[in-house]
Protein backbone atom coordinates (compact mmCIF):
# COMPACT_ATOMS: atom_id res chain seq x y z
CA MET A 1 112.53 154.05 179.86
CA SER A 2 115.89 155.41 178.74
CA SER A 3 117.68 153.59 181.57
CA ALA A 4 116.08 150.29 180.52
CA LEU A 5 117.15 150.93 176.94
CA SER A 6 120.74 151.60 177.96
CA ARG A 7 120.94 148.28 179.81
CA LEU A 8 119.33 146.21 177.05
CA PRO A 9 122.28 145.77 174.66
CA ALA A 10 124.73 144.58 177.32
CA ARG A 11 122.17 142.19 178.78
CA ARG A 12 121.35 140.80 175.34
CA ILE A 13 125.03 140.44 174.50
CA LEU A 14 125.81 138.63 177.74
CA SER A 15 122.77 136.39 177.54
CA GLY A 16 123.48 135.46 173.94
CA THR A 17 120.04 136.56 172.74
CA SER A 18 121.23 139.30 170.41
CA PRO A 19 121.03 138.19 166.75
CA VAL A 20 124.45 139.66 166.02
CA PHE A 21 126.28 138.99 169.28
CA SER A 22 125.42 135.33 169.58
CA LEU A 23 127.39 133.41 172.17
CA SER A 24 126.74 130.31 170.13
CA ASN A 25 129.32 131.75 167.73
CA LEU A 26 131.97 131.09 170.36
CA ARG A 27 133.02 127.84 171.93
CA SER A 28 135.07 127.09 175.00
CA THR A 29 138.13 124.93 174.42
CA GLY A 30 140.47 124.03 177.24
CA GLY A 31 139.45 127.06 179.27
CA MET A 32 140.05 129.45 176.35
CA ILE A 33 137.36 131.15 174.31
CA GLN A 34 137.95 130.78 170.60
CA GLY A 35 136.10 132.99 168.16
CA ARG A 36 135.48 132.24 164.53
CA PHE A 37 137.63 135.25 163.65
CA GLN A 38 140.75 133.20 164.39
CA SER A 39 140.54 131.58 160.99
CA THR A 40 143.86 130.76 159.40
CA HIS A 41 142.68 131.28 155.84
CA ALA A 42 140.66 134.22 154.54
CA GLY A 43 140.20 132.77 151.08
CA PRO A 44 141.40 133.92 147.70
CA GLY A 45 141.49 137.61 147.06
CA PHE A 46 140.81 138.86 150.59
CA ARG A 47 143.05 139.56 153.54
CA LYS A 48 142.52 138.03 156.96
CA TRP A 49 141.32 140.27 159.79
CA SER A 50 144.65 139.73 161.52
CA GLU A 51 146.48 141.04 158.43
CA LEU A 52 144.67 144.38 158.42
CA GLU A 53 146.33 147.49 159.78
CA LEU A 54 144.63 149.24 162.69
CA SER A 55 143.41 152.06 160.42
CA GLU A 56 141.91 149.50 157.99
CA ARG A 57 140.16 147.71 160.84
CA GLN A 58 138.76 150.97 162.13
CA ASP A 59 137.58 151.95 158.64
CA PHE A 60 135.88 148.57 158.27
CA ILE A 61 134.18 149.02 161.65
CA LYS A 62 132.94 152.51 160.80
CA GLY A 63 131.63 151.30 157.44
CA PHE A 64 130.04 148.23 159.01
CA VAL A 65 128.22 150.25 161.69
CA LYS A 66 127.00 152.78 159.12
CA ASN A 67 125.88 150.08 156.67
CA TYR A 68 124.13 148.02 159.36
CA LYS A 69 122.18 151.08 160.52
CA LYS A 70 121.22 151.88 156.92
CA LEU A 71 119.99 148.34 156.22
CA PHE A 72 118.35 147.71 159.60
CA PRO A 73 117.32 151.13 160.97
CA GLN A 74 114.87 149.71 163.54
CA SER A 75 117.28 147.14 164.96
CA LYS A 76 118.22 147.49 168.62
CA THR A 77 121.63 146.12 167.67
CA ASN A 78 122.55 149.52 166.24
CA LEU A 79 123.02 150.92 169.73
CA SER A 80 125.33 148.04 170.68
CA LEU A 81 127.40 148.45 167.52
CA LYS A 82 127.71 152.18 168.04
CA THR A 83 128.72 151.70 171.67
CA LEU A 84 131.33 149.09 170.79
CA SER A 85 132.86 151.31 168.13
CA MET A 86 133.02 154.48 170.24
CA ASP A 87 136.43 155.96 171.04
CA MET A 88 138.38 153.58 168.77
CA ASP A 89 140.59 156.43 167.62
CA LYS A 90 141.10 157.72 171.14
CA PHE A 91 142.20 154.34 172.49
CA GLU A 92 143.91 153.18 169.27
CA ASP A 93 141.82 150.03 169.32
CA SER A 94 139.54 147.90 167.16
CA PRO A 95 137.08 145.67 169.03
CA SER A 96 137.68 142.04 168.04
CA VAL A 97 133.99 141.23 167.76
CA PHE A 98 134.10 143.10 164.45
CA GLY A 99 136.73 140.59 163.30
CA ILE A 100 134.08 137.91 163.71
CA PHE A 101 131.72 139.95 161.55
CA TYR A 102 134.47 140.56 158.97
CA ASN A 103 135.15 136.84 158.59
CA ASP A 104 131.44 135.99 158.55
CA ILE A 105 130.96 138.44 155.68
CA HIS A 106 133.92 136.89 153.90
CA LYS A 107 132.51 133.39 154.42
CA GLU A 108 129.18 134.51 152.96
CA SER A 109 130.92 136.01 149.93
CA LEU A 110 132.65 132.65 149.33
CA LYS A 111 129.27 130.87 149.58
CA ASP A 112 127.81 133.31 147.05
CA ALA A 113 130.73 132.74 144.68
CA ALA A 114 130.37 128.97 145.04
CA SER A 115 126.61 129.04 144.51
CA ASN A 116 127.01 131.22 141.41
CA ALA A 117 129.49 128.72 139.99
CA SER A 118 127.33 125.65 140.71
CA VAL A 119 123.83 124.77 139.57
CA ASN A 120 121.23 126.65 141.60
CA THR A 121 122.49 125.74 145.05
CA PRO A 122 120.80 127.83 147.70
CA SER A 123 122.79 130.68 149.17
CA ALA A 124 123.10 131.45 152.86
CA GLY A 125 120.00 131.21 155.00
CA SER A 126 117.67 134.16 155.20
CA ASP A 127 118.48 134.56 158.90
CA ASN A 128 122.00 135.78 158.15
CA ARG A 129 122.05 139.56 157.85
CA PHE A 130 125.48 139.64 156.23
CA VAL A 131 124.37 138.24 152.86
CA HIS A 132 123.59 141.72 151.52
CA PRO A 133 126.15 142.75 148.85
CA SER A 134 126.82 146.07 150.60
CA PHE A 135 128.56 144.17 153.40
CA HIS A 136 130.79 142.36 150.90
CA LYS A 137 132.06 145.69 149.60
CA LEU A 138 133.60 146.35 153.02
CA LEU A 139 136.12 143.49 152.70
CA TYR A 140 139.77 144.28 151.97
CA ARG A 141 141.33 142.65 148.92
CA ASN A 142 144.86 141.33 148.83
CA PRO A 143 147.21 143.74 147.09
CA THR A 144 147.76 142.81 143.45
CA LYS A 145 151.27 141.84 142.49
CA ALA A 146 152.70 143.94 139.69
């Protein structure tokens, strides 16, 4: 059973059936894969994923993995997240899939801000796991100008 479990995350990622690693989040354009993390604007108050230092990216990833496991302890996605984040320090790397998550969390925080400002507009759908406020606390704010 343990060998079947170890193959499950990769198979789910590649097939696009994992709720977090959805291939529908990517689209092919001219032979290149473009992810949603390539956004040119991160919105007011927050830095873009591409503007974060490696250490900030790695801190976000560690916090994200820890928070996801806390909120969804029975999710099989936890194993995939842990595997993706392993050895970041050793290889001086930050897996780009977490950039997609970072920008999705940011997008949800903008939706929440907009829905709080308007009259009872519904927030993000219940199928999005990143609507929990604990994910929003992981975002990096722009430095304040003194």
